[in-house]
PDB file of N, CA and C in Angstrom:
ATOM      1  N   UNK A   1       0.855  -1.180   0.000  1.00  0.00           N
ATOM      2  CA  UNK A   1       0.000   0.000   0.000  1.00  0.00           C
ATOM      3  C   UNK A   1       0.896   1.237   0.000  1.00  0.00           C
ATOM      4  N   UNK A   2       0.535   2.194  -0.802  1.00  0.00           N
ATOM      5  CA  UNK A   2       1.302   3.421  -0.933  1.00  0.00           C
ATOM      6  C   UNK A   2       1.181   4.266   0.333  1.00  0.00           C
ATOM      7  N   UNK A   3       2.245   4.998   0.674  1.00  0.00           N
ATOM      8  CA  UNK A   3       2.227   5.828   1.885  1.00  0.00           C
ATOM      9  C   UNK A   3       1.191   6.940   1.805  1.00  0.00           C
ATOM     10  N   UNK A   4       1.031   7.544   0.643  1.00  0.00           N
ATOM     11  CA  UNK A   4       0.061   8.627   0.523  1.00  0.00           C
ATOM     12  C   UNK A   4      -1.364   8.111   0.690  1.00  0.00           C
ATOM     13  N   UNK A   5      -1.623   6.908   0.201  1.00  0.00           N
ATOM     14  CA  UNK A   5      -2.940   6.306   0.367  1.00  0.00           C
ATOM     15  C   UNK A   5      -3.201   5.975   1.836  1.00  0.00           C
ATOM     16  N   UNK A   6      -2.183   5.492   2.523  1.00  0.00           N
ATOM     17  CA  UNK A   6      -2.302   5.187   3.942  1.00  0.00           C
ATOM     18  C   UNK A   6      -2.557   6.448   4.760  1.00  0.00           C
ATOM     19  N   UNK A   7      -1.882   7.527   4.426  1.00  0.00           N
ATOM     20  CA  UNK A   7      -2.089   8.805   5.120  1.00  0.00           C
ATOM     21  C   UNK A   7      -3.499   9.318   4.869  1.00  0.00           C
ATOM     22  N   UNK A   8      -3.995   9.162   3.659  1.00  0.00           N
ATOM     23  CA  UNK A   8      -5.352   9.605   3.348  1.00  0.00           C
ATOM     24  C   UNK A   8      -6.384   8.825   4.148  1.00  0.00           C
ATOM     25  N   UNK A   9      -6.234   7.511   4.202  1.00  0.00           N
ATOM     26  CA  UNK A   9      -7.164   6.698   4.992  1.00  0.00           C
ATOM     27  C   UNK A   9      -7.090   7.049   6.476  1.00  0.00           C
ATOM     28  N   UNK A  10      -5.872   7.274   6.978  1.00  0.00           N
ATOM     29  CA  UNK A  10      -5.715   7.645   8.386  1.00  0.00           C
ATOM     30  C   UNK A  10      -6.392   8.983   8.669  1.00  0.00           C
ATOM     31  N   UNK A  11      -6.288   9.917   7.743  1.00  0.00           N
ATOM     32  CA  UNK A  11      -6.923  11.223   7.921  1.00  0.00           C
ATOM     33  C   UNK A  11      -8.444  11.090   7.950  1.00  0.00           C
ATOM     34  N   UNK A  12      -8.989  10.299   7.039  1.00  0.00           N
ATOM     35  CA  UNK A  12     -10.442  10.114   6.992  1.00  0.00           C
ATOM     36  C   UNK A  12     -10.942   9.434   8.259  1.00  0.00           C
ATOM     37  N   UNK A  13     -10.235   8.415   8.715  1.00  0.00           N
ATOM     38  CA  UNK A  13     -10.628   7.725   9.942  1.00  0.00           C
ATOM     39  C   UNK A  13     -10.517   8.654  11.135  1.00  0.00           C
ATOM     40  N   UNK A  14      -9.482   9.493  11.169  1.00  0.00           N
ATOM     41  CA  UNK A  14      -9.325  10.447  12.264  1.00  0.00           C
ATOM     42  C   UNK A  14     -10.496  11.431  12.299  1.00  0.00           C
ATOM     43  N   UNK A  15     -10.919  11.924  11.149  1.00  0.00           N
ATOM     44  CA  UNK A  15     -12.050  12.853  11.087  1.00  0.00           C
ATOM     45  C   UNK A  15     -13.323  12.171  11.579  1.00  0.00           C
ATOM     46  N   UNK A  16     -13.543  10.923  11.177  1.00  0.00           N
ATOM     47  CA  UNK A  16     -14.727  10.190  11.617  1.00  0.00           C
ATOM     48  C   UNK A  16     -14.715   9.948  13.121  1.00  0.00           C
ATOM     49  N   UNK A  17     -13.561   9.621  13.674  1.00  0.00           N
ATOM     50  CA  UNK A  17     -13.462   9.393  15.114  1.00  0.00           C
ATOM     51  C   UNK A  17     -13.694  10.681  15.886  1.00  0.00           C
ATOM     52  N   UNK A  18     -13.129  11.791  15.411  1.00  0.00           N
ATOM     53  CA  UNK A  18     -13.324  13.075  16.089  1.00  0.00           C
ATOM     54  C   UNK A  18     -14.786  13.486  16.064  1.00  0.00           C
ATOM     55  N   UNK A  19     -15.462  13.298  14.939  1.00  0.00           N
ATOM     56  CA  UNK A  19     -16.876  13.669  14.875  1.00  0.00           C
ATOM     57  C   UNK A  19     -17.721  12.763  15.760  1.00  0.00           C
ATOM     58  N   UNK A  20     -17.375  11.483  15.850  1.00  0.00           N
ATOM     59  CA  UNK A  20     -18.118  10.578  16.727  1.00  0.00           C
ATOM     60  C   UNK A  20     -17.922  10.948  18.191  1.00  0.00           C
ATOM     61  N   UNK A  21     -16.706  11.313  18.571  1.00  0.00           N
ATOM     62  CA  UNK A  21     -16.446  11.732  19.949  1.00  0.00           C
ATOM     63  C   UNK A  21     -17.194  13.009  20.267  1.00  0.00           C
ATOM     64  N   UNK A  22     -17.247  13.923  19.320  1.00  0.00           N
ATOM     65  CA  UNK A  22     -17.973  15.180  19.540  1.00  0.00           C
ATOM     66  C   UNK A  22     -19.465  14.920  19.726  1.00  0.00           C
ATOM     67  N   UNK A  23     -20.038  14.078  18.876  1.00  0.00           N
ATOM     68  CA  UNK A  23     -21.458  13.754  19.002  1.00  0.00           C
ATOM     69  C   UNK A  23     -21.742  13.069  20.336  1.00  0.00           C
ATOM     70  N   UNK A  24     -20.852  12.166  20.747  1.00  0.00           N
ATOM     71  CA  UNK A  24     -21.038  11.474  22.017  1.00  0.00           C
ATOM     72  C   UNK A  24     -21.002  12.447  23.185  1.00  0.00           C
ATOM     73  N   UNK A  25     -20.047  13.386  23.154  1.00  0.00           N
ATOM     74  CA  UNK A  25     -19.952  14.338  24.266  1.00  0.00           C
ATOM     75  C   UNK A  25     -21.166  15.262  24.308  1.00  0.00           C
ATOM     76  N   UNK A  26     -21.681  15.658  23.160  1.00  0.00           N
ATOM     77  CA  UNK A  26     -22.880  16.501  23.135  1.00  0.00           C
ATOM     78  C   UNK A  26     -24.076  15.743  23.700  1.00  0.00           C
ATOM     79  N   UNK A  27     -24.247  14.503  23.278  1.00  0.00           N
ATOM     80  CA  UNK A  27     -25.361  13.695  23.792  1.00  0.00           C
ATOM     81  C   UNK A  27     -25.224  13.459  25.292  1.00  0.00           C
ATOM     82  N   UNK A  28     -23.999  13.247  25.764  1.00  0.00           N
ATOM     83  CA  UNK A  28     -23.776  13.023  27.192  1.00  0.00           C
ATOM     84  C   UNK A  28     -24.124  14.260  28.007  1.00  0.00           C
ATOM     85  N   UNK A  29     -23.724  15.434  27.512  1.00  0.00           N
ATOM     86  CA  UNK A  29     -24.043  16.681  28.212  1.00  0.00           C
ATOM     87  C   UNK A  29     -25.546  16.919  28.233  1.00  0.00           C
ATOM     88  N   UNK A  30     -26.224  16.684  27.105  1.00  0.00           N
ATOM     89  CA  UNK A  30     -27.684  16.844  27.067  1.00  0.00           C
ATOM     90  C   UNK A  30     -28.365  15.869  28.020  1.00  0.00           C
ATOM     91  N   UNK A  31     -27.855  14.643  28.106  1.00  0.00           N
ATOM     92  CA  UNK A  31     -28.438  13.659  29.010  1.00  0.00           C
ATOM     93  C   UNK A  31     -28.265  14.096  30.462  1.00  0.00           C
ATOM     94  N   UNK A  32     -27.070  14.607  30.806  1.00  0.00           N
ATOM     95  CA  UNK A  32     -26.834  15.075  32.175  1.00  0.00           C
ATOM     96  C   UNK A  32     -27.744  16.253  32.519  1.00  0.00           C
ATOM     97  N   UNK A  33     -27.974  17.138  31.561  1.00  0.00           N
ATOM     98  CA  UNK A  33     -28.883  18.265  31.801  1.00  0.00           C
ATOM     99  C   UNK A  33     -30.311  17.772  32.041  1.00  0.00           C
ATOM    100  N   UNK A  34     -30.748  16.797  31.262  1.00  0.00           N
ATOM    101  CA  UNK A  34     -32.095  16.255  31.445  1.00  0.00           C
ATOM    102  C   UNK A  34     -32.245  15.575  32.800  1.00  0.00           C
ATOM    103  N   UNK A  35     -31.228  14.825  33.206  1.00  0.00           N
ATOM    104  CA  UNK A  35     -31.270  14.161  34.510  1.00  0.00           C
ATOM    105  C   UNK A  35     -31.304  15.191  35.634  1.00  0.00           C
ATOM    106  N   UNK A  36     -30.516  16.272  35.498  1.00  0.00           N
ATOM    107  CA  UNK A  36     -30.508  17.319  36.525  1.00  0.00           C
ATOM    108  C   UNK A  36     -31.876  17.990  36.615  1.00  0.00           C
ATOM    109  N   UNK A  37     -32.522  18.218  35.485  1.00  0.00           N
ATOM    110  CA  UNK A  37     -33.856  18.815  35.498  1.00  0.00           C
ATOM    111  C   UNK A  37     -34.873  17.870  36.133  1.00  0.00           C
ATOM    112  N   UNK A  38     -34.747  16.587  35.841  1.00  0.00           N
ATOM    113  CA  UNK A  38     -35.669  15.614  36.433  1.00  0.00           C
ATOM    114  C   UNK A  38     -35.480  15.513  37.953  1.00  0.00           C
ATOM    115  N   UNK A  39     -34.233  15.554  38.405  1.00  0.00           N
ATOM    116  CA  UNK A  39     -33.972  15.453  39.836  1.00  0.00           C
ATOM    117  C   UNK A  39     -34.520  16.653  40.598  1.00  0.00           C
ATOM    118  N   UNK A  40     -34.467  17.830  39.964  1.00  0.00           N
ATOM    119  CA  UNK A  40     -34.969  19.044  40.609  1.00  0.00           C
ATOM    120  C   UNK A  40     -36.471  19.203  40.441  1.00  0.00           C
ATOM    121  N   UNK A  41     -37.079  18.393  39.600  1.00  0.00           N
ATOM    122  CA  UNK A  41     -38.516  18.488  39.369  1.00  0.00           C
ATOM    123  C   UNK A  41     -38.896  19.599  38.405  1.00  0.00           C
ATOM    124  N   UNK A  42     -37.958  20.054  37.608  1.00  0.00           N
ATOM    125  CA  UNK A  42     -38.210  21.103  36.630  1.00  0.00           C
ATOM    126  C   UNK A  42     -38.677  20.489  35.316  1.00  0.00           C
ATOM    127  N   UNK A  43     -39.350  21.285  34.493  1.00  0.00           N
ATOM    128  CA  UNK A  43     -39.731  20.745  33.178  1.00  0.00           C
ATOM    129  C   UNK A  43     -38.491  20.514  32.307  1.00  0.00           C
ATOM    130  N   UNK A  44     -38.654  19.649  31.350  1.00  0.00           N
ATOM    131  CA  UNK A  44     -37.539  19.297  30.470  1.00  0.00           C
ATOM    132  C   UNK A  44     -37.132  20.493  29.619  1.00  0.00           C
ATOM    133  N   UNK A  45     -35.826  20.674  29.367  1.00  0.00           N
ATOM    134  CA  UNK A  45     -35.399  21.798  28.538  1.00  0.00           C
ATOM    135  C   UNK A  45     -35.853  21.623  27.093  1.00  0.00           C
ATOM    136  N   UNK A  46     -36.185  22.741  26.467  1.00  0.00           N
ATOM    137  CA  UNK A  46     -36.679  22.734  25.095  1.00  0.00           C
ATOM    138  C   UNK A  46     -35.536  23.044  24.155  1.00  0.00           C
ATOM    139  N   UNK A  47     -35.425  22.267  23.080  1.00  0.00           N
ATOM    140  CA  UNK A  47     -34.415  22.549  22.066  1.00  0.00           C
ATOM    141  C   UNK A  47     -34.859  23.744  21.260  1.00  0.00           C
ATOM    142  N   UNK A  48     -33.988  24.717  21.120  1.00  0.00           N
ATOM    143  CA  UNK A  48     -34.359  25.965  20.457  1.00  0.00           C
ATOM    144  C   UNK A  48     -33.970  25.973  18.988  1.00  0.00           C
ATOM    145  N   UNK A  49     -33.877  24.831  18.379  1.00  0.00           N
ATOM    146  CA  UNK A  49     -33.527  24.758  16.969  1.00  0.00           C
ATOM    147  C   UNK A  49     -34.809  24.656  16.154  1.00  0.00           C
ATOM    148  N   UNK A  50     -35.154  25.726  15.470  1.00  0.00           N
ATOM    149  CA  UNK A  50     -36.415  25.769  14.734  1.00  0.00           C
ATOM    150  C   UNK A  50     -36.404  24.839  13.531  1.00  0.00           C
ATOM    151  N   UNK A  51     -35.251  24.641  12.939  1.00  0.00           N
ATOM    152  CA  UNK A  51     -35.183  23.864  11.706  1.00  0.00           C
ATOM    153  C   UNK A  51     -35.045  22.370  11.952  1.00  0.00           C
ATOM    154  N   UNK A  52     -34.943  21.943  13.200  1.00  0.00           N
ATOM    155  CA  UNK A  52     -34.762  20.519  13.459  1.00  0.00           C
ATOM    156  C   UNK A  52     -36.073  19.752  13.453  1.00  0.00           C
ATOM    157  N   UNK A  53     -37.205  20.448  13.507  1.00  0.00           N
ATOM    158  CA  UNK A  53     -38.495  19.770  13.533  1.00  0.00           C
ATOM    159  C   UNK A  53     -38.830  19.286  12.126  1.00  0.00           C
ATOM    160  N   UNK A  54     -38.873  17.982  11.943  1.00  0.00           N
ATOM    161  CA  UNK A  54     -39.103  17.424  10.617  1.00  0.00           C
ATOM    162  C   UNK A  54     -40.579  17.412  10.242  1.00  0.00           C
ATOM    163  N   UNK A  55     -41.454  17.563  11.218  1.00  0.00           N
ATOM    164  CA  UNK A  55     -42.874  17.525  10.962  1.00  0.00           C
ATOM    165  C   UNK A  55     -43.485  18.913  11.094  1.00  0.00           C
ATOM    166  N   UNK A  56     -42.770  19.906  10.633  1.00  0.00           N
ATOM    167  CA  UNK A  56     -43.221  21.298  10.736  1.00  0.00           C
ATOM    168  C   UNK A  56     -44.300  21.557   9.694  1.00  0.00           C
ATOM    169  N   UNK A  57     -45.367  22.223  10.108  1.00  0.00           N
ATOM    170  CA  UNK A  57     -46.452  22.492   9.173  1.00  0.00           C
ATOM    171  C   UNK A  57     -46.422  23.923   8.651  1.00  0.00           C
ATOM    172  N   UNK A  58     -45.654  24.792   9.278  1.00  0.00           N
ATOM    173  CA  UNK A  58     -45.596  26.178   8.830  1.00  0.00           C
ATOM    174  C   UNK A  58     -44.682  26.274   7.624  1.00  0.00           C
ATOM    175  N   UNK A  59     -45.243  26.711   6.501  1.00  0.00           N
ATOM    176  CA  UNK A  59     -44.465  26.761   5.265  1.00  0.00           C
ATOM    177  C   UNK A  59     -43.424  27.865   5.281  1.00  0.00           C
ATOM    178  N   UNK A  60     -43.693  28.956   6.011  1.00  0.00           N
ATOM    179  CA  UNK A  60     -42.709  30.035   6.076  1.00  0.00           C
ATOM    180  C   UNK A  60     -41.450  29.571   6.789  1.00  0.00           C
ATOM    181  N   UNK A  61     -41.629  28.831   7.881  1.00  0.00           N
ATOM    182  CA  UNK A  61     -40.487  28.354   8.640  1.00  0.00           C
ATOM    183  C   UNK A  61     -39.681  27.338   7.839  1.00  0.00           C
ATOM    184  N   UNK A  62     -40.349  26.425   7.151  1.00  0.00           N
ATOM    185  CA  UNK A  62     -39.615  25.440   6.364  1.00  0.00           C
ATOM    186  C   UNK A  62     -38.932  26.095   5.165  1.00  0.00           C
ATOM    187  N   UNK A  63     -39.535  27.130   4.602  1.00  0.00           N
ATOM    188  CA  UNK A  63     -38.881  27.840   3.504  1.00  0.00           C
ATOM    189  C   UNK A  63     -37.631  28.550   4.012  1.00  0.00           C
ATOM    190  N   UNK A  64     -37.721  29.134   5.198  1.00  0.00           N
ATOM    191  CA  UNK A  64     -36.554  29.808   5.780  1.00  0.00           C
ATOM    192  C   UNK A  64     -35.449  28.803   6.085  1.00  0.00           C
ATOM    193  N   UNK A  65     -35.826  27.660   6.651  1.00  0.00           N
ATOM    194  CA  UNK A  65     -34.843  26.624   6.952  1.00  0.00           C
ATOM    195  C   UNK A  65     -34.196  26.093   5.673  1.00  0.00           C
ATOM    196  N   UNK A  66     -35.001  25.929   4.639  1.00  0.00           N
ATOM    197  CA  UNK A  66     -34.480  25.445   3.372  1.00  0.00           C
ATOM    198  C   UNK A  66     -33.513  26.459   2.760  1.00  0.00           C
ATOM    199  N   UNK A  67     -33.839  27.737   2.911  1.00  0.00           N
ATOM    200  CA  UNK A  67     -32.949  28.778   2.396  1.00  0.00           C
ATOM    201  C   UNK A  67     -31.633  28.799   3.175  1.00  0.00           C
ATOM    202  N   UNK A  68     -31.702  28.602   4.498  1.00  0.00           N
ATOM    203  CA  UNK A  68     -30.487  28.549   5.308  1.00  0.00           C
ATOM    204  C   UNK A  68     -29.621  27.361   4.905  1.00  0.00           C
ATOM    205  N   UNK A  69     -30.240  26.212   4.685  1.00  0.00           N
ATOM    206  CA  UNK A  69     -29.484  25.033   4.272  1.00  0.00           C
ATOM    207  C   UNK A  69     -28.839  25.245   2.907  1.00  0.00           C
ATOM    208  N   UNK A  70     -29.543  25.955   2.014  1.00  0.00           N
ATOM    209  CA  UNK A  70     -28.969  26.187   0.686  1.00  0.00           C
ATOM    210  C   UNK A  70     -27.735  27.076   0.778  1.00  0.00           C
ATOM    211  N   UNK A  71     -27.783  28.081   1.625  1.00  0.00           N
ATOM    212  CA  UNK A  71     -26.618  28.962   1.795  1.00  0.00           C
ATOM    213  C   UNK A  71     -25.443  28.172   2.354  1.00  0.00           C
ATOM    214  N   UNK A  72     -25.708  27.287   3.305  1.00  0.00           N
ATOM    215  CA  UNK A  72     -24.634  26.483   3.897  1.00  0.00           C
ATOM    216  C   UNK A  72     -24.009  25.563   2.854  1.00  0.00           C
ATOM    217  N   UNK A  73     -24.835  24.866   2.082  1.00  0.00           N
ATOM    218  CA  UNK A  73     -24.308  23.931   1.089  1.00  0.00           C
ATOM    219  C   UNK A  73     -23.539  24.651  -0.015  1.00  0.00           C
ATOM    220  N   UNK A  74     -24.042  25.788  -0.457  1.00  0.00           N
ATOM    221  CA  UNK A  74     -23.334  26.537  -1.505  1.00  0.00           C
ATOM    222  C   UNK A  74     -22.015  27.086  -0.966  1.00  0.00           C
ATOM    223  N   UNK A  75     -22.001  27.516   0.288  1.00  0.00           N
ATOM    224  CA  UNK A  75     -20.756  27.988   0.897  1.00  0.00           C
ATOM    225  C   UNK A  75     -19.738  26.860   1.013  1.00  0.00           C
ATOM    226  N   UNK A  76     -20.196  25.675   1.357  1.00  0.00           N
ATOM    227  CA  UNK A  76     -19.291  24.524   1.429  1.00  0.00           C
ATOM    228  C   UNK A  76     -18.687  24.234   0.056  1.00  0.00           C
ATOM    229  N   UNK A  77     -19.503  24.281  -0.986  1.00  0.00           N
ATOM    230  CA  UNK A  77     -18.981  23.994  -2.324  1.00  0.00           C
ATOM    231  C   UNK A  77     -17.973  25.046  -2.770  1.00  0.00           C
ATOM    232  N   UNK A  78     -18.252  26.306  -2.466  1.00  0.00           N
ATOM    233  CA  UNK A  78     -17.289  27.360  -2.821  1.00  0.00           C
ATOM    234  C   UNK A  78     -15.990  27.198  -2.036  1.00  0.00           C
ATOM    235  N   UNK A  79     -16.104  26.821  -0.764  1.00  0.00           N
ATOM    236  CA  UNK A  79     -14.907  26.602   0.044  1.00  0.00           C
ATOM    237  C   UNK A  79     -14.050  25.481  -0.498  1.00  0.00           C
ATOM    238  N   UNK A  80     -14.688  24.384  -0.903  1.00  0.00           N
ATOM    239  CA  UNK A  80     -13.941  23.257  -1.472  1.00  0.00           C
ATOM    240  C   UNK A  80     -13.255  23.674  -2.764  1.00  0.00           C
ATOM    241  N   UNK A  81     -13.982  24.369  -3.627  1.00  0.00           N
ATOM    242  CA  UNK A  81     -13.416  24.777  -4.918  1.00  0.00           C
ATOM    243  C   UNK A  81     -12.253  25.745  -4.732  1.00  0.00           C
ATOM    244  N   UNK A  82     -12.426  26.725  -3.853  1.00  0.00           N
ATOM    245  CA  UNK A  82     -11.356  27.709  -3.637  1.00  0.00           C
ATOM    246  C   UNK A  82     -10.143  27.062  -2.987  1.00  0.00           C
ATOM    247  N   UNK A  83     -10.374  26.157  -2.020  1.00  0.00           N
ATOM    248  CA  UNK A  83      -9.250  25.505  -1.343  1.00  0.00           C
ATOM    249  C   UNK A  83      -8.403  24.694  -2.318  1.00  0.00           C
ATOM    250  N   UNK A  84      -9.047  23.902  -3.153  1.00  0.00           N
ATOM    251  CA  UNK A  84      -8.266  23.080  -4.072  1.00  0.00           C
ATOM    252  C   UNK A  84      -7.683  23.896  -5.219  1.00  0.00           C
ATOM    253  N   UNK A  85      -8.314  25.009  -5.581  1.00  0.00           N
ATOM    254  CA  UNK A  85      -7.709  25.892  -6.588  1.00  0.00           C
ATOM    255  C   UNK A  85      -6.442  26.529  -6.027  1.00  0.00           C
ATOM    256  N   UNK A  86      -6.478  26.940  -4.770  1.00  0.00           N
ATOM    257  CA  UNK A  86      -5.275  27.507  -4.152  1.00  0.00           C
ATOM    258  C   UNK A  86      -4.184  26.456  -3.991  1.00  0.00           C
ATOM    259  N   UNK A  87      -4.574  25.241  -3.620  1.00  0.00           N
ATOM    260  CA  UNK A  87      -3.583  24.161  -3.521  1.00  0.00           C
ATOM    261  C   UNK A  87      -2.954  23.903  -4.882  1.00  0.00           C
ATOM    262  N   UNK A  88      -3.746  23.962  -5.933  1.00  0.00           N
ATOM    263  CA  UNK A  88      -3.217  23.762  -7.278  1.00  0.00           C
ATOM    264  C   UNK A  88      -2.238  24.864  -7.664  1.00  0.00           C
ATOM    265  N   UNK A  89      -2.562  26.102  -7.268  1.00  0.00           N
ATOM    266  CA  UNK A  89      -1.645  27.203  -7.571  1.00  0.00           C
ATOM    267  C   UNK A  89      -0.351  27.093  -6.783  1.00  0.00           C
ATOM    268  N   UNK A  90      -0.453  26.703  -5.519  1.00  0.00           N
ATOM    269  CA  UNK A  90       0.739  26.619  -4.673  1.00  0.00           C
ATOM    270  C   UNK A  90       1.630  25.469  -5.104  1.00  0.00           C
ATOM    271  N   UNK A  91       1.038  24.308  -5.337  1.00  0.00           N
ATOM    272  CA  UNK A  91       1.820  23.136  -5.712  1.00  0.00           C
ATOM    273  C   UNK A  91       2.285  23.239  -7.158  1.00  0.00           C
ATOM    274  N   UNK A  92       1.496  23.860  -8.010  1.00  0.00           N
ATOM    275  CA  UNK A  92       1.844  23.987  -9.416  1.00  0.00           C
ATOM    276  C   UNK A  92       1.426  22.793 -10.252  1.00  0.00           C
ATOM    277  N   UNK A  93       0.612  21.927  -9.683  1.00  0.00           N
ATOM    278  CA  UNK A  93       0.144  20.745 -10.390  1.00  0.00           C
ATOM    279  C   UNK A  93      -1.295  20.965 -10.830  1.00  0.00           C
ATOM    280  N   UNK A  94      -1.531  20.886 -12.121  1.00  0.00           N
ATOM    281  CA  UNK A  94      -2.876  21.122 -12.646  1.00  0.00           C
ATOM    282  C   UNK A  94      -3.809  19.937 -12.441  1.00  0.00           C
ATOM    283  N   UNK A  95      -3.259  18.776 -12.087  1.00  0.00           N
ATOM    284  CA  UNK A  95      -4.105  17.613 -11.849  1.00  0.00           C
ATOM    285  C   UNK A  95      -4.933  17.749 -10.573  1.00  0.00           C
ATOM    286  N   UNK A  96      -4.520  18.634  -9.686  1.00  0.00           N
ATOM    287  CA  UNK A  96      -5.262  18.842  -8.441  1.00  0.00           C
ATOM    288  C   UNK A  96      -6.597  19.519  -8.732  1.00  0.00           C
ATOM    289  N   UNK A  97      -6.684  20.226  -9.842  1.00  0.00           N
ATOM    290  CA  UNK A  97      -7.944  20.892 -10.193  1.00  0.00           C
ATOM    291  C   UNK A  97      -9.073  19.909 -10.471  1.00  0.00           C
ATOM    292  N   UNK A  98      -8.728  18.652 -10.730  1.00  0.00           N
ATOM    293  CA  UNK A  98      -9.756  17.632 -10.948  1.00  0.00           C
ATOM    294  C   UNK A  98     -10.584  17.454  -9.674  1.00  0.00           C
ATOM    295  N   UNK A  99      -9.957  17.633  -8.517  1.00  0.00           N
ATOM    296  CA  UNK A  99     -10.651  17.478  -7.240  1.00  0.00           C
ATOM    297  C   UNK A  99     -11.681  18.591  -7.053  1.00  0.00           C
ATOM    298  N   UNK A 100     -11.505  19.712  -7.741  1.00  0.00           N
ATOM    299  CA  UNK A 100     -12.497  20.798  -7.664  1.00  0.00           C
ATOM    300  C   UNK A 100     -13.856  20.342  -8.185  1.00  0.00           C
ATOM    301  N   UNK A 101     -13.864  19.290  -8.968  1.00  0.00           N
ATOM    302  CA  UNK A 101     -15.141  18.773  -9.458  1.00  0.00           C
ATOM    303  C   UNK A 101     -15.990  18.223  -8.317  1.00  0.00           C
ATOM    304  N   UNK A 102     -15.362  17.880  -7.202  1.00  0.00           N
ATOM    305  CA  UNK A 102     -16.126  17.430  -6.040  1.00  0.00           C
ATOM    306  C   UNK A 102     -17.011  18.537  -5.483  1.00  0.00           C
ATOM    307  N   UNK A 103     -16.679  19.779  -5.772  1.00  0.00           N
ATOM    308  CA  UNK A 103     -17.476  20.903  -5.277  1.00  0.00           C
ATOM    309  C   UNK A 103     -18.829  20.985  -5.973  1.00  0.00           C
ATOM    310  N   UNK A 104     -18.993  20.270  -7.058  1.00  0.00           N
ATOM    311  CA  UNK A 104     -20.266  20.292  -7.780  1.00  0.00           C
ATOM    312  C   UNK A 104     -21.371  19.617  -6.961  1.00  0.00           C
ATOM    313  N   UNK A 105     -21.008  18.591  -6.195  1.00  0.00           N
ATOM    314  CA  UNK A 105     -22.011  17.839  -5.437  1.00  0.00           C
ATOM    315  C   UNK A 105     -22.708  18.720  -4.400  1.00  0.00           C
ATOM    316  N   UNK A 106     -21.973  19.386  -3.477  1.00  0.00           N
ATOM    317  CA  UNK A 106     -22.692  20.258  -2.536  1.00  0.00           C
ATOM    318  C   UNK A 106     -23.332  21.471  -3.210  1.00  0.00           C
ATOM    319  N   UNK A 107     -22.778  21.901  -4.344  1.00  0.00           N
ATOM    320  CA  UNK A 107     -23.388  23.017  -5.061  1.00  0.00           C
ATOM    321  C   UNK A 107     -24.775  22.634  -5.571  1.00  0.00           C
ATOM    322  N   UNK A 108     -24.895  21.451  -6.142  1.00  0.00           N
ATOM    323  CA  UNK A 108     -26.196  21.003  -6.641  1.00  0.00           C
ATOM    324  C   UNK A 108     -27.191  20.766  -5.503  1.00  0.00           C
ATOM    325  N   UNK A 109     -26.704  20.268  -4.370  1.00  0.00           N
ATOM    326  CA  UNK A 109     -27.590  20.099  -3.210  1.00  0.00           C
ATOM    327  C   UNK A 109     -28.090  21.456  -2.732  1.00  0.00           C
ATOM    328  N   UNK A 110     -27.195  22.451  -2.688  1.00  0.00           N
ATOM    329  CA  UNK A 110     -27.586  23.802  -2.280  1.00  0.00           C
ATOM    330  C   UNK A 110     -28.581  24.426  -3.236  1.00  0.00           C
ATOM    331  N   UNK A 111     -28.377  24.217  -4.523  1.00  0.00           N
ATOM    332  CA  UNK A 111     -29.324  24.749  -5.511  1.00  0.00           C
ATOM    333  C   UNK A 111     -30.682  24.072  -5.351  1.00  0.00           C
ATOM    334  N   UNK A 112     -30.673  22.771  -5.052  1.00  0.00           N
ATOM    335  CA  UNK A 112     -31.930  22.057  -4.817  1.00  0.00           C
ATOM    336  C   UNK A 112     -32.676  22.607  -3.610  1.00  0.00           C
ATOM    337  N   UNK A 113     -31.956  22.876  -2.525  1.00  0.00           N
ATOM    338  CA  UNK A 113     -32.598  23.474  -1.347  1.00  0.00           C
ATOM    339  C   UNK A 113     -33.140  24.868  -1.667  1.00  0.00           C
ATOM    340  N   UNK A 114     -32.400  25.629  -2.476  1.00  0.00           N
ATOM    341  CA  UNK A 114     -32.858  26.981  -2.818  1.00  0.00           C
ATOM    342  C   UNK A 114     -34.137  26.920  -3.658  1.00  0.00           C
ATOM    343  N   UNK A 115     -34.181  26.003  -4.617  1.00  0.00           N
ATOM    344  CA  UNK A 115     -35.397  25.840  -5.427  1.00  0.00           C
ATOM    345  C   UNK A 115     -36.561  25.399  -4.545  1.00  0.00           C
ATOM    346  N   UNK A 116     -36.273  24.517  -3.579  1.00  0.00           N
ATOM    347  CA  UNK A 116     -37.309  24.091  -2.642  1.00  0.00           C
ATOM    348  C   UNK A 116     -37.835  25.253  -1.815  1.00  0.00           C
ATOM    349  N   UNK A 117     -36.962  26.151  -1.380  1.00  0.00           N
ATOM    350  CA  UNK A 117     -37.416  27.307  -0.596  1.00  0.00           C
ATOM    351  C   UNK A 117     -38.270  28.243  -1.446  1.00  0.00           C
ATOM    352  N   UNK A 118     -37.921  28.397  -2.718  1.00  0.00           N
ATOM    353  CA  UNK A 118     -38.728  29.236  -3.599  1.00  0.00           C
ATOM    354  C   UNK A 118     -40.118  28.629  -3.793  1.00  0.00           C
ATOM    355  N   UNK A 119     -40.170  27.314  -3.998  1.00  0.00           N
ATOM    356  CA  UNK A 119     -41.469  26.646  -4.189  1.00  0.00           C
ATOM    357  C   UNK A 119     -42.307  26.752  -2.929  1.00  0.00           C
ATOM    358  N   UNK A 120     -41.716  26.548  -1.758  1.00  0.00           N
ATOM    359  CA  UNK A 120     -42.468  26.633  -0.503  1.00  0.00           C
ATOM    360  C   UNK A 120     -42.947  28.048  -0.212  1.00  0.00           C
ATOM    361  N   UNK A 121     -42.150  29.055  -0.573  1.00  0.00           N
ATOM    362  CA  UNK A 121     -42.586  30.424  -0.315  1.00  0.00           C
ATOM    363  C   UNK A 121     -43.705  30.840  -1.259  1.00  0.00           C
ATOM    364  N   UNK A 122     -43.755  30.275  -2.466  1.00  0.00           N
ATOM    365  CA  UNK A 122     -44.832  30.577  -3.403  1.00  0.00           C
ATOM    366  C   UNK A 122     -46.132  29.862  -3.042  1.00  0.00           C
ATOM    367  N   UNK A 123     -46.042  28.762  -2.286  1.00  0.00           N
ATOM    368  CA  UNK A 123     -47.236  27.997  -1.928  1.00  0.00           C
ATOM    369  C   UNK A 123     -48.018  28.606  -0.781  1.00  0.00           C
ATOM    370  N   UNK A 124     -47.427  29.532  -0.050  1.00  0.00           N
ATOM    371  CA  UNK A 124     -48.175  30.105   1.088  1.00  0.00           C
ATOM    372  C   UNK A 124     -49.137  31.111   0.658  1.00  0.00           C
TER     373      UNK A 124
END
């Protein structure tokens, strides 16, 4: 196995492990907060994330959430494209620009969310 391939796999596994540890710590903290509220006899804390409700019936709120998601996805695609374009300029290898094609995937997802927000805002 090539060293560069091994480093790439190690990097991907490291990112996955870090994200799993972060999710675990967030869930653990939320669980401790819920237990503390139950012990004190207080009502359960409410999550203040408006866009996390998947069964939302208000079209304005879902259109706003869809628009926010589209901005995030388009920003991610621009970040990927700019990062690999700069890497290509610094390294001087034009083959790195092929990786910029990966930015098309989040760009299309962002455009889909934006079209969805337009359709939802017109339906109200």
